[in-house]
Amino acid sequence: MDAPPPQEDCRPFVDIARLLRAAGVNAPEVFAQDLDRGFLLLSDLGNQTYLSALDAASAPRLYADANAALIRMQAAAPVATLPCYDRALLQRELDLYPDWYVGRHKSLALSDAARTAWRAGCDVVLANNLAQPVVFVHRDYHSRNLMIVDGANPGVLDFQDAVAGPITYDLVSLYKDAYIQWDESFVLDQVARYWSDAKRAGLPVDTDFAAFYRDFEWMGVQRQLKVLGIFARLFHRDGKAAYLDDMPRVLAGVTAACARYRELAPLARVVDEVEPVVANTGYTF
């Protein structure tokens, strides 16, 4: 790894890699380091991502491995030294949606009523997110950051921004993935399998699966609104147009979740004002 210190600090990567490996997760091993100049010598986890390998036949096996690794992270990785995924950070992420997606990408200004609804909706979602049990959170635990590794699947990458936060967050990253979609019955089954295994591992998941799944859905609203803002920023600020193709999938997920829960009606009103019709997304509910 060559990460020039003026642009990146390798220390979080090194610290989290060691923490994950101690928890039994297949993160890169750091063989040597020169942190002052931004050089690391790492073990190689290959070049086949989950995204390149996932299909109807492989998904149950690969996601079973991903669930198991996630539970090991959450059960064994200490969180006391990690930054807190607090309200301020969660709100900053949510605000990427009105700032970058609505304002910059859609060239719209929210009405006064929509701004009021936005604040109310954020309060509801964040109250739920912050009430969830706190565990290790990778923050980008999805198909582009999981590698196919024989014998120690999956290899886990891009964990340097890990925080202590809501227990459903990484599960949302995995099953409300911006880059691949599954019908709701498959997602429900996989989340239920995680929940059952997490309970057996002693993790503080809600004993009522319906309540846990609601937490998962509401955490998904926070993450997917953030992702819409991030994808808009990557396009308009950084010139990365490929992310535009993933926006409809993410938008459809937000729309479905907001329509499903009466408490999320304020956010549904905001999305409806910005997107009067969500058409031909290809998302299966």
C-alpha atoms as a PDB file:
ATOM      1  CA  MET A   1       0.000   0.000   0.000  1.00  0.00           C
ATOM      2  CA  ASP A   2       1.265   3.428  -0.997  1.00  0.00           C
ATOM      3  CA  ALA A   3      -0.779   6.062   0.846  1.00  0.00           C
ATOM      4  CA  PRO A   4       0.970   9.437   0.951  1.00  0.00           C
ATOM      5  CA  PRO A   5       0.544  10.922   4.452  1.00  0.00           C
ATOM      6  CA  PRO A   6      -0.714  14.318   3.198  1.00  0.00           C
ATOM      7  CA  GLN A   7      -3.719  12.497   1.685  1.00  0.00           C
ATOM      8  CA  GLU A   8      -4.173   9.486   3.991  1.00  0.00           C
ATOM      9  CA  ASP A   9      -3.203   8.342   7.461  1.00  0.00           C
ATOM     10  CA  CYS A  10      -2.335   4.633   7.491  1.00  0.00           C
ATOM     11  CA  ARG A  11      -2.523   4.319  11.258  1.00  0.00           C
ATOM     12  CA  PRO A  12      -6.267   3.565  11.466  1.00  0.00           C
ATOM     13  CA  PHE A  13      -5.870   0.874   8.794  1.00  0.00           C
ATOM     14  CA  VAL A  14      -3.018  -0.781  10.687  1.00  0.00           C
ATOM     15  CA  ASP A  15      -4.820  -0.610  14.026  1.00  0.00           C
ATOM     16  CA  ILE A  16      -8.138  -1.975  12.722  1.00  0.00           C
ATOM     17  CA  ALA A  17      -6.429  -4.698  10.670  1.00  0.00           C
ATOM     18  CA  ARG A  18      -4.781  -6.036  13.801  1.00  0.00           C
ATOM     19  CA  LEU A  19      -7.995  -5.783  15.767  1.00  0.00           C
ATOM     20  CA  LEU A  20      -9.932  -7.717  13.112  1.00  0.00           C
ATOM     21  CA  ARG A  21      -7.321 -10.420  12.750  1.00  0.00           C
ATOM     22  CA  ALA A  22      -7.333 -10.881  16.525  1.00  0.00           C
ATOM     23  CA  ALA A  23     -11.115 -11.342  16.267  1.00  0.00           C
ATOM     24  CA  GLY A  24     -10.624 -14.140  13.724  1.00  0.00           C
ATOM     25  CA  VAL A  25     -11.554 -12.074  10.661  1.00  0.00           C
ATOM     26  CA  ASN A  26      -9.514 -12.421   7.470  1.00  0.00           C
ATOM     27  CA  ALA A  27      -8.204  -8.875   7.138  1.00  0.00           C
ATOM     28  CA  PRO A  28      -4.820  -8.186   5.489  1.00  0.00           C
ATOM     29  CA  GLU A  29      -1.829  -8.943   7.669  1.00  0.00           C
ATOM     30  CA  VAL A  30       0.606  -6.041   8.028  1.00  0.00           C
ATOM     31  CA  PHE A  31       4.105  -7.463   7.574  1.00  0.00           C
ATOM     32  CA  ALA A  32       6.001  -4.165   7.578  1.00  0.00           C
ATOM     33  CA  GLN A  33       5.195  -0.469   7.807  1.00  0.00           C
ATOM     34  CA  ASP A  34       6.662   2.963   7.286  1.00  0.00           C
ATOM     35  CA  LEU A  35       3.888   5.194   8.548  1.00  0.00           C
ATOM     36  CA  ASP A  36       5.844   8.420   8.165  1.00  0.00           C
ATOM     37  CA  ARG A  37       6.049   7.861   4.406  1.00  0.00           C
ATOM     38  CA  GLY A  38       2.769   5.960   4.020  1.00  0.00           C
ATOM     39  CA  PHE A  39       4.070   2.536   2.966  1.00  0.00           C
ATOM     40  CA  LEU A  40       2.664  -0.803   4.139  1.00  0.00           C
ATOM     41  CA  LEU A  41       3.587  -4.342   3.147  1.00  0.00           C
ATOM     42  CA  LEU A  42       0.392  -6.411   3.316  1.00  0.00           C
ATOM     43  CA  SER A  43      -0.812  -9.933   2.670  1.00  0.00           C
ATOM     44  CA  ASP A  44      -2.735 -10.277  -0.599  1.00  0.00           C
ATOM     45  CA  LEU A  45      -6.408 -11.246  -0.436  1.00  0.00           C
ATOM     46  CA  GLY A  46      -6.674 -11.794  -4.186  1.00  0.00           C
ATOM     47  CA  ASN A  47      -8.673  -9.961  -6.812  1.00  0.00           C
ATOM     48  CA  GLN A  48     -12.099 -11.648  -6.852  1.00  0.00           C
ATOM     49  CA  THR A  49     -14.705  -9.566  -5.074  1.00  0.00           C
ATOM     50  CA  TYR A  50     -18.039 -10.807  -3.835  1.00  0.00           C
ATOM     51  CA  LEU A  51     -19.670  -8.565  -6.441  1.00  0.00           C
ATOM     52  CA  SER A  52     -17.960 -10.450  -9.263  1.00  0.00           C
ATOM     53  CA  ALA A  53     -18.970 -13.857  -7.884  1.00  0.00           C
ATOM     54  CA  LEU A  54     -22.465 -13.394  -6.481  1.00  0.00           C
ATOM     55  CA  ASP A  55     -25.341 -15.055  -8.285  1.00  0.00           C
ATOM     56  CA  ALA A  56     -28.387 -17.089  -7.278  1.00  0.00           C
ATOM     57  CA  ALA A  57     -26.307 -20.241  -6.844  1.00  0.00           C
ATOM     58  CA  SER A  58     -23.393 -18.751  -4.891  1.00  0.00           C
ATOM     59  CA  ALA A  59     -25.260 -16.199  -2.763  1.00  0.00           C
ATOM     60  CA  PRO A  60     -26.405 -18.466   0.107  1.00  0.00           C
ATOM     61  CA  ARG A  61     -22.880 -19.793   0.704  1.00  0.00           C
ATOM     62  CA  LEU A  62     -21.111 -16.455   0.317  1.00  0.00           C
ATOM     63  CA  TYR A  63     -23.550 -14.584   2.513  1.00  0.00           C
ATOM     64  CA  ALA A  64     -23.349 -17.307   5.167  1.00  0.00           C
ATOM     65  CA  ASP A  65     -19.597 -16.659   5.294  1.00  0.00           C
ATOM     66  CA  ALA A  66     -20.134 -12.890   5.397  1.00  0.00           C
ATOM     67  CA  ASN A  67     -22.657 -13.210   8.228  1.00  0.00           C
ATOM     68  CA  ALA A  68     -20.249 -15.377  10.221  1.00  0.00           C
ATOM     69  CA  ALA A  69     -17.394 -12.907   9.767  1.00  0.00           C
ATOM     70  CA  LEU A  70     -19.655 -10.012  10.741  1.00  0.00           C
ATOM     71  CA  ILE A  71     -20.689 -11.775  13.933  1.00  0.00           C
ATOM     72  CA  ARG A  72     -17.033 -12.460  14.786  1.00  0.00           C
ATOM     73  CA  MET A  73     -16.254  -8.758  14.312  1.00  0.00           C
ATOM     74  CA  GLN A  74     -19.160  -7.658  16.448  1.00  0.00           C
ATOM     75  CA  ALA A  75     -18.590 -10.239  19.162  1.00  0.00           C
ATOM     76  CA  ALA A  76     -14.825  -9.983  19.533  1.00  0.00           C
ATOM     77  CA  ALA A  77     -13.665  -6.585  18.312  1.00  0.00           C
ATOM     78  CA  PRO A  78     -13.400  -4.084  21.208  1.00  0.00           C
ATOM     79  CA  VAL A  79     -15.056  -0.723  20.567  1.00  0.00           C
ATOM     80  CA  ALA A  80     -13.739   1.379  23.453  1.00  0.00           C
ATOM     81  CA  THR A  81     -10.976   2.949  21.362  1.00  0.00           C
ATOM     82  CA  LEU A  82     -13.072   3.534  18.234  1.00  0.00           C
ATOM     83  CA  PRO A  83     -14.701   6.835  17.266  1.00  0.00           C
ATOM     84  CA  CYS A  84     -18.365   6.968  18.215  1.00  0.00           C
ATOM     85  CA  TYR A  85     -20.990   6.868  15.460  1.00  0.00           C
ATOM     86  CA  ASP A  86     -22.827   9.644  17.265  1.00  0.00           C
ATOM     87  CA  ARG A  87     -25.772  11.811  16.286  1.00  0.00           C
ATOM     88  CA  ALA A  88     -23.586  14.545  14.822  1.00  0.00           C
ATOM     89  CA  LEU A  89     -21.851  12.125  12.438  1.00  0.00           C
ATOM     90  CA  LEU A  90     -25.078  10.364  11.465  1.00  0.00           C
ATOM     91  CA  GLN A  91     -26.724  13.731  10.770  1.00  0.00           C
ATOM     92  CA  ARG A  92     -23.775  14.970   8.711  1.00  0.00           C
ATOM     93  CA  GLU A  93     -24.122  11.878   6.582  1.00  0.00           C
ATOM     94  CA  LEU A  94     -27.865  12.387   6.159  1.00  0.00           C
ATOM     95  CA  ASP A  95     -27.295  15.992   5.147  1.00  0.00           C
ATOM     96  CA  LEU A  96     -25.367  14.812   2.098  1.00  0.00           C
ATOM     97  CA  TYR A  97     -28.781  14.002   0.607  1.00  0.00           C
ATOM     98  CA  PRO A  98     -30.239  17.563   0.581  1.00  0.00           C
ATOM     99  CA  ASP A  99     -26.858  19.175  -0.034  1.00  0.00           C
ATOM    100  CA  TRP A 100     -25.479  17.021  -2.842  1.00  0.00           C
ATOM    101  CA  TYR A 101     -28.296  14.904  -4.215  1.00  0.00           C
ATOM    102  CA  VAL A 102     -31.194  17.365  -4.035  1.00  0.00           C
ATOM    103  CA  GLY A 103     -29.356  20.656  -4.360  1.00  0.00           C
ATOM    104  CA  ARG A 104     -26.493  19.768  -6.679  1.00  0.00           C
ATOM    105  CA  HIS A 105     -27.626  16.695  -8.601  1.00  0.00           C
ATOM    106  CA  LYS A 106     -31.326  17.482  -8.964  1.00  0.00           C
ATOM    107  CA  SER A 107     -30.818  21.288  -8.968  1.00  0.00           C
ATOM    108  CA  LEU A 108     -33.747  21.684  -6.606  1.00  0.00           C
ATOM    109  CA  ALA A 109     -34.436  23.657  -3.448  1.00  0.00           C
ATOM    110  CA  LEU A 110     -36.683  21.961  -0.916  1.00  0.00           C
ATOM    111  CA  SER A 111     -39.885  23.798  -0.071  1.00  0.00           C
ATOM    112  CA  ASP A 112     -40.387  25.122   3.455  1.00  0.00           C
ATOM    113  CA  ALA A 113     -42.756  22.235   4.156  1.00  0.00           C
ATOM    114  CA  ALA A 114     -40.224  19.722   2.867  1.00  0.00           C
ATOM    115  CA  ARG A 115     -37.445  21.210   5.002  1.00  0.00           C
ATOM    116  CA  THR A 116     -39.655  20.911   8.075  1.00  0.00           C
ATOM    117  CA  ALA A 117     -40.512  17.323   7.128  1.00  0.00           C
ATOM    118  CA  TRP A 118     -36.823  16.567   6.581  1.00  0.00           C
ATOM    119  CA  ARG A 119     -35.901  17.687  10.079  1.00  0.00           C
ATOM    120  CA  ALA A 120     -38.756  15.723  11.609  1.00  0.00           C
ATOM    121  CA  GLY A 121     -37.919  12.621   9.616  1.00  0.00           C
ATOM    122  CA  CYS A 122     -34.241  12.800  10.528  1.00  0.00           C
ATOM    123  CA  ASP A 123     -35.141  13.054  14.204  1.00  0.00           C
ATOM    124  CA  VAL A 124     -37.269   9.895  14.000  1.00  0.00           C
ATOM    125  CA  VAL A 125     -34.668   7.857  12.119  1.00  0.00           C
ATOM    126  CA  LEU A 126     -31.730   8.958  14.252  1.00  0.00           C
ATOM    127  CA  ALA A 127     -33.598   8.283  17.490  1.00  0.00           C
ATOM    128  CA  ASN A 128     -34.006   4.708  16.316  1.00  0.00           C
ATOM    129  CA  ASN A 129     -30.410   4.389  15.102  1.00  0.00           C
ATOM    130  CA  LEU A 130     -28.955   5.724  18.338  1.00  0.00           C
ATOM    131  CA  ALA A 131     -31.146   3.479  20.496  1.00  0.00           C
ATOM    132  CA  GLN A 132     -29.675   0.350  18.931  1.00  0.00           C
ATOM    133  CA  PRO A 133     -26.972  -1.632  20.752  1.00  0.00           C
ATOM    134  CA  VAL A 134     -23.439  -0.432  20.004  1.00  0.00           C
ATOM    135  CA  VAL A 135     -20.902  -2.760  18.400  1.00  0.00           C
ATOM    136  CA  PHE A 136     -17.951  -2.626  16.018  1.00  0.00           C
ATOM    137  CA  VAL A 137     -19.090  -1.085  12.708  1.00  0.00           C
ATOM    138  CA  HIS A 138     -16.995  -1.554   9.559  1.00  0.00           C
ATOM    139  CA  ARG A 139     -19.088   1.122   7.717  1.00  0.00           C
ATOM    140  CA  ASP A 140     -18.646  -0.289   4.190  1.00  0.00           C
ATOM    141  CA  TYR A 141     -19.268  -3.998   4.626  1.00  0.00           C
ATOM    142  CA  HIS A 142     -20.529  -4.735   1.117  1.00  0.00           C
ATOM    143  CA  SER A 143     -19.854  -6.749  -2.026  1.00  0.00           C
ATOM    144  CA  ARG A 144     -16.991  -4.594  -3.300  1.00  0.00           C
ATOM    145  CA  ASN A 145     -15.047  -4.816  -0.051  1.00  0.00           C
ATOM    146  CA  LEU A 146     -15.419  -8.562   0.530  1.00  0.00           C
ATOM    147  CA  MET A 147     -13.019 -10.856  -1.294  1.00  0.00           C
ATOM    148  CA  ILE A 148     -13.377 -14.519  -2.217  1.00  0.00           C
ATOM    149  CA  VAL A 149     -10.637 -16.365  -0.322  1.00  0.00           C
ATOM    150  CA  ASP A 150     -10.457 -20.163  -0.271  1.00  0.00           C
ATOM    151  CA  GLY A 151     -10.389 -21.508   3.237  1.00  0.00           C
ATOM    152  CA  ALA A 152     -10.824 -18.176   5.019  1.00  0.00           C
ATOM    153  CA  ASN A 153     -13.739 -16.512   3.305  1.00  0.00           C
ATOM    154  CA  PRO A 154     -14.348 -13.623   3.123  1.00  0.00           C
ATOM    155  CA  GLY A 155     -11.319 -11.398   2.967  1.00  0.00           C
ATOM    156  CA  VAL A 156     -12.318  -8.025   4.403  1.00  0.00           C
ATOM    157  CA  LEU A 157     -11.031  -4.678   3.083  1.00  0.00           C
ATOM    158  CA  ASP A 158     -11.620  -0.923   3.472  1.00  0.00           C
ATOM    159  CA  PHE A 159     -12.211  -0.972   7.234  1.00  0.00           C
ATOM    160  CA  GLN A 160     -10.094   2.016   8.218  1.00  0.00           C
ATOM    161  CA  ASP A 161     -13.145   4.192   8.976  1.00  0.00           C
ATOM    162  CA  ALA A 162     -14.529   1.751  11.550  1.00  0.00           C
ATOM    163  CA  VAL A 163     -16.558   3.181  14.418  1.00  0.00           C
ATOM    164  CA  ALA A 164     -18.584   2.071  17.416  1.00  0.00           C
ATOM    165  CA  GLY A 165     -22.197   2.234  16.320  1.00  0.00           C
ATOM    166  CA  PRO A 166     -25.601   0.631  15.653  1.00  0.00           C
ATOM    167  CA  ILE A 167     -25.674  -3.155  15.442  1.00  0.00           C
ATOM    168  CA  THR A 168     -27.677  -3.228  12.193  1.00  0.00           C
ATOM    169  CA  TYR A 169     -25.431  -0.860  10.237  1.00  0.00           C
ATOM    170  CA  ASP A 170     -23.075  -3.374   8.621  1.00  0.00           C
ATOM    171  CA  LEU A 171     -25.971  -5.742   7.982  1.00  0.00           C
ATOM    172  CA  VAL A 172     -27.612  -2.919   6.021  1.00  0.00           C
ATOM    173  CA  SER A 173     -24.417  -2.373   4.036  1.00  0.00           C
ATOM    174  CA  LEU A 174     -24.404  -6.064   3.161  1.00  0.00           C
ATOM    175  CA  TYR A 175     -28.052  -6.624   2.215  1.00  0.00           C
ATOM    176  CA  LYS A 176     -29.100  -3.150   1.079  1.00  0.00           C
ATOM    177  CA  ASP A 177     -25.991  -3.071  -1.084  1.00  0.00           C
ATOM    178  CA  ALA A 178     -25.821  -0.204  -3.572  1.00  0.00           C
ATOM    179  CA  TYR A 179     -24.179  -2.434  -6.184  1.00  0.00           C
ATOM    180  CA  ILE A 180     -26.352  -5.556  -6.250  1.00  0.00           C
ATOM    181  CA  GLN A 181     -29.982  -6.271  -5.438  1.00  0.00           C
ATOM    182  CA  TRP A 182     -32.003  -9.206  -4.146  1.00  0.00           C
ATOM    183  CA  ASP A 183     -35.724  -9.632  -3.730  1.00  0.00           C
ATOM    184  CA  GLU A 184     -37.092  -8.948  -0.297  1.00  0.00           C
ATOM    185  CA  SER A 185     -37.758 -12.589   0.560  1.00  0.00           C
ATOM    186  CA  PHE A 186     -34.054 -13.407   0.141  1.00  0.00           C
ATOM    187  CA  VAL A 187     -32.992 -10.390   2.226  1.00  0.00           C
ATOM    188  CA  LEU A 188     -35.494 -11.275   4.939  1.00  0.00           C
ATOM    189  CA  ASP A 189     -34.182 -14.841   5.057  1.00  0.00           C
ATOM    190  CA  GLN A 190     -30.543 -13.776   5.269  1.00  0.00           C
ATOM    191  CA  VAL A 191     -31.214 -11.177   7.962  1.00  0.00           C
ATOM    192  CA  ALA A 192     -33.142 -13.791   9.946  1.00  0.00           C
ATOM    193  CA  ARG A 193     -30.208 -16.195   9.659  1.00  0.00           C
ATOM    194  CA  TYR A 194     -27.836 -13.502  10.932  1.00  0.00           C
ATOM    195  CA  TRP A 195     -30.216 -12.657  13.792  1.00  0.00           C
ATOM    196  CA  SER A 196     -30.491 -16.282  14.893  1.00  0.00           C
ATOM    197  CA  ASP A 197     -26.728 -16.832  14.788  1.00  0.00           C
ATOM    198  CA  ALA A 198     -26.033 -13.498  16.507  1.00  0.00           C
ATOM    199  CA  LYS A 199     -28.339 -14.417  19.369  1.00  0.00           C
ATOM    200  CA  ARG A 200     -26.502 -17.702  19.824  1.00  0.00           C
ATOM    201  CA  ALA A 201     -23.201 -15.805  19.840  1.00  0.00           C
ATOM    202  CA  GLY A 202     -24.462 -13.577  22.664  1.00  0.00           C
ATOM    203  CA  LEU A 203     -24.749 -10.385  20.649  1.00  0.00           C
ATOM    204  CA  PRO A 204     -27.306  -7.837  21.938  1.00  0.00           C
ATOM    205  CA  VAL A 205     -29.832  -8.206  19.120  1.00  0.00           C
ATOM    206  CA  ASP A 206     -33.485  -7.553  19.929  1.00  0.00           C
ATOM    207  CA  THR A 207     -35.200 -10.756  21.029  1.00  0.00           C
ATOM    208  CA  ASP A 208     -38.171  -9.868  18.784  1.00  0.00           C
ATOM    209  CA  PHE A 209     -37.167 -10.436  15.153  1.00  0.00           C
ATOM    210  CA  ALA A 210     -39.866  -8.069  13.860  1.00  0.00           C
ATOM    211  CA  ALA A 211     -38.390  -5.261  15.978  1.00  0.00           C
ATOM    212  CA  PHE A 212     -34.886  -6.133  14.825  1.00  0.00           C
ATOM    213  CA  TYR A 213     -35.951  -6.090  11.179  1.00  0.00           C
ATOM    214  CA  ARG A 214     -37.571  -2.696  11.662  1.00  0.00           C
ATOM    215  CA  ASP A 215     -34.281  -1.414  13.099  1.00  0.00           C
ATOM    216  CA  PHE A 216     -32.543  -2.844  10.035  1.00  0.00           C
ATOM    217  CA  GLU A 217     -34.974  -1.053   7.714  1.00  0.00           C
ATOM    218  CA  TRP A 218     -34.660   2.286   9.497  1.00  0.00           C
ATOM    219  CA  MET A 219     -30.891   2.061   9.578  1.00  0.00           C
ATOM    220  CA  GLY A 220     -31.127   1.386   5.862  1.00  0.00           C
ATOM    221  CA  VAL A 221     -32.963   4.671   5.322  1.00  0.00           C
ATOM    222  CA  GLN A 222     -30.112   6.570   6.969  1.00  0.00           C
ATOM    223  CA  ARG A 223     -27.454   4.774   4.961  1.00  0.00           C
ATOM    224  CA  GLN A 224     -29.224   4.900   1.607  1.00  0.00           C
ATOM    225  CA  LEU A 225     -29.991   8.615   1.850  1.00  0.00           C
ATOM    226  CA  LYS A 226     -26.322   9.135   2.681  1.00  0.00           C
ATOM    227  CA  VAL A 227     -25.260   6.987  -0.268  1.00  0.00           C
ATOM    228  CA  LEU A 228     -27.385   9.035  -2.686  1.00  0.00           C
ATOM    229  CA  GLY A 229     -25.558  12.133  -1.478  1.00  0.00           C
ATOM    230  CA  ILE A 230     -22.154  10.460  -1.708  1.00  0.00           C
ATOM    231  CA  PHE A 231     -22.800   9.185  -5.239  1.00  0.00           C
ATOM    232  CA  ALA A 232     -23.906  12.671  -6.304  1.00  0.00           C
ATOM    233  CA  ARG A 233     -20.739  14.149  -4.785  1.00  0.00           C
ATOM    234  CA  LEU A 234     -18.538  11.537  -6.474  1.00  0.00           C
ATOM    235  CA  PHE A 235     -20.050  12.527  -9.816  1.00  0.00           C
ATOM    236  CA  HIS A 236     -20.188  16.304  -9.507  1.00  0.00           C
ATOM    237  CA  ARG A 237     -17.039  16.905  -7.472  1.00  0.00           C
ATOM    238  CA  ASP A 238     -14.828  13.994  -8.525  1.00  0.00           C
ATOM    239  CA  GLY A 239     -16.068  13.257 -12.049  1.00  0.00           C
ATOM    240  CA  LYS A 240     -16.925   9.604 -11.277  1.00  0.00           C
ATOM    241  CA  ALA A 241     -19.958   9.004 -13.467  1.00  0.00           C
ATOM    242  CA  ALA A 242     -20.229   5.230 -12.940  1.00  0.00           C
ATOM    243  CA  TYR A 243     -22.053   5.757  -9.650  1.00  0.00           C
ATOM    244  CA  LEU A 244     -24.995   7.330 -11.470  1.00  0.00           C
ATOM    245  CA  ASP A 245     -26.008   3.858 -12.660  1.00  0.00           C
ATOM    246  CA  ASP A 246     -26.413   2.705  -9.049  1.00  0.00           C
ATOM    247  CA  MET A 247     -28.600   5.597  -7.907  1.00  0.00           C
ATOM    248  CA  PRO A 248     -31.976   4.148  -9.025  1.00  0.00           C
ATOM    249  CA  ARG A 249     -31.386   0.990  -7.005  1.00  0.00           C
ATOM    250  CA  VAL A 250     -30.575   2.984  -3.875  1.00  0.00           C
ATOM    251  CA  LEU A 251     -33.452   5.403  -4.397  1.00  0.00           C
ATOM    252  CA  ALA A 252     -35.954   2.576  -4.791  1.00  0.00           C
ATOM    253  CA  GLY A 253     -34.823   1.072  -1.506  1.00  0.00           C
ATOM    254  CA  VAL A 254     -35.346   4.364   0.344  1.00  0.00           C
ATOM    255  CA  THR A 255     -38.758   4.847  -1.246  1.00  0.00           C
ATOM    256  CA  ALA A 256     -39.940   1.367  -0.287  1.00  0.00           C
ATOM    257  CA  ALA A 257     -38.825   1.642   3.346  1.00  0.00           C
ATOM    258  CA  CYS A 258     -40.302   5.111   3.835  1.00  0.00           C
ATOM    259  CA  ALA A 259     -43.624   3.955   2.378  1.00  0.00           C
ATOM    260  CA  ARG A 260     -43.723   0.902   4.656  1.00  0.00           C
ATOM    261  CA  TYR A 261     -43.635   2.689   8.026  1.00  0.00           C
ATOM    262  CA  ARG A 262     -46.097   5.350   9.085  1.00  0.00           C
ATOM    263  CA  GLU A 263     -43.466   7.051  11.250  1.00  0.00           C
ATOM    264  CA  LEU A 264     -41.317   7.672   8.175  1.00  0.00           C
ATOM    265  CA  ALA A 265     -44.049   9.616   6.362  1.00  0.00           C
ATOM    266  CA  PRO A 266     -42.118  12.923   6.735  1.00  0.00           C
ATOM    267  CA  LEU A 267     -39.164  11.497   4.807  1.00  0.00           C
ATOM    268  CA  ALA A 268     -41.528   9.946   2.260  1.00  0.00           C
ATOM    269  CA  ARG A 269     -42.929  13.439   1.622  1.00  0.00           C
ATOM    270  CA  VAL A 270     -39.438  14.801   1.024  1.00  0.00           C
ATOM    271  CA  VAL A 271     -38.523  12.003  -1.381  1.00  0.00           C
ATOM    272  CA  ASP A 272     -41.865  12.395  -3.178  1.00  0.00           C
ATOM    273  CA  GLU A 273     -41.214  16.109  -3.664  1.00  0.00           C
ATOM    274  CA  VAL A 274     -37.791  15.389  -5.159  1.00  0.00           C
ATOM    275  CA  GLU A 275     -38.831  12.259  -7.085  1.00  0.00           C
ATOM    276  CA  PRO A 276     -42.521  12.470  -8.085  1.00  0.00           C
ATOM    277  CA  VAL A 277     -42.205   9.102  -9.837  1.00  0.00           C
ATOM    278  CA  VAL A 278     -39.658   6.355  -9.213  1.00  0.00           C
ATOM    279  CA  ALA A 279     -39.893   4.494 -12.498  1.00  0.00           C
ATOM    280  CA  ASN A 280     -38.260   1.406 -13.958  1.00  0.00           C
ATOM    281  CA  THR A 281     -35.704   0.905 -11.218  1.00  0.00           C
ATOM    282  CA  GLY A 282     -35.572  -2.842 -11.591  1.00  0.00           C
ATOM    283  CA  TYR A 283     -35.762  -3.179  -7.785  1.00  0.00           C
ATOM    284  CA  THR A 284     -37.907  -6.076  -6.585  1.00  0.00           C
ATOM    285  CA  PHE A 285     -39.908  -5.613  -3.380  1.00  0.00           C
END
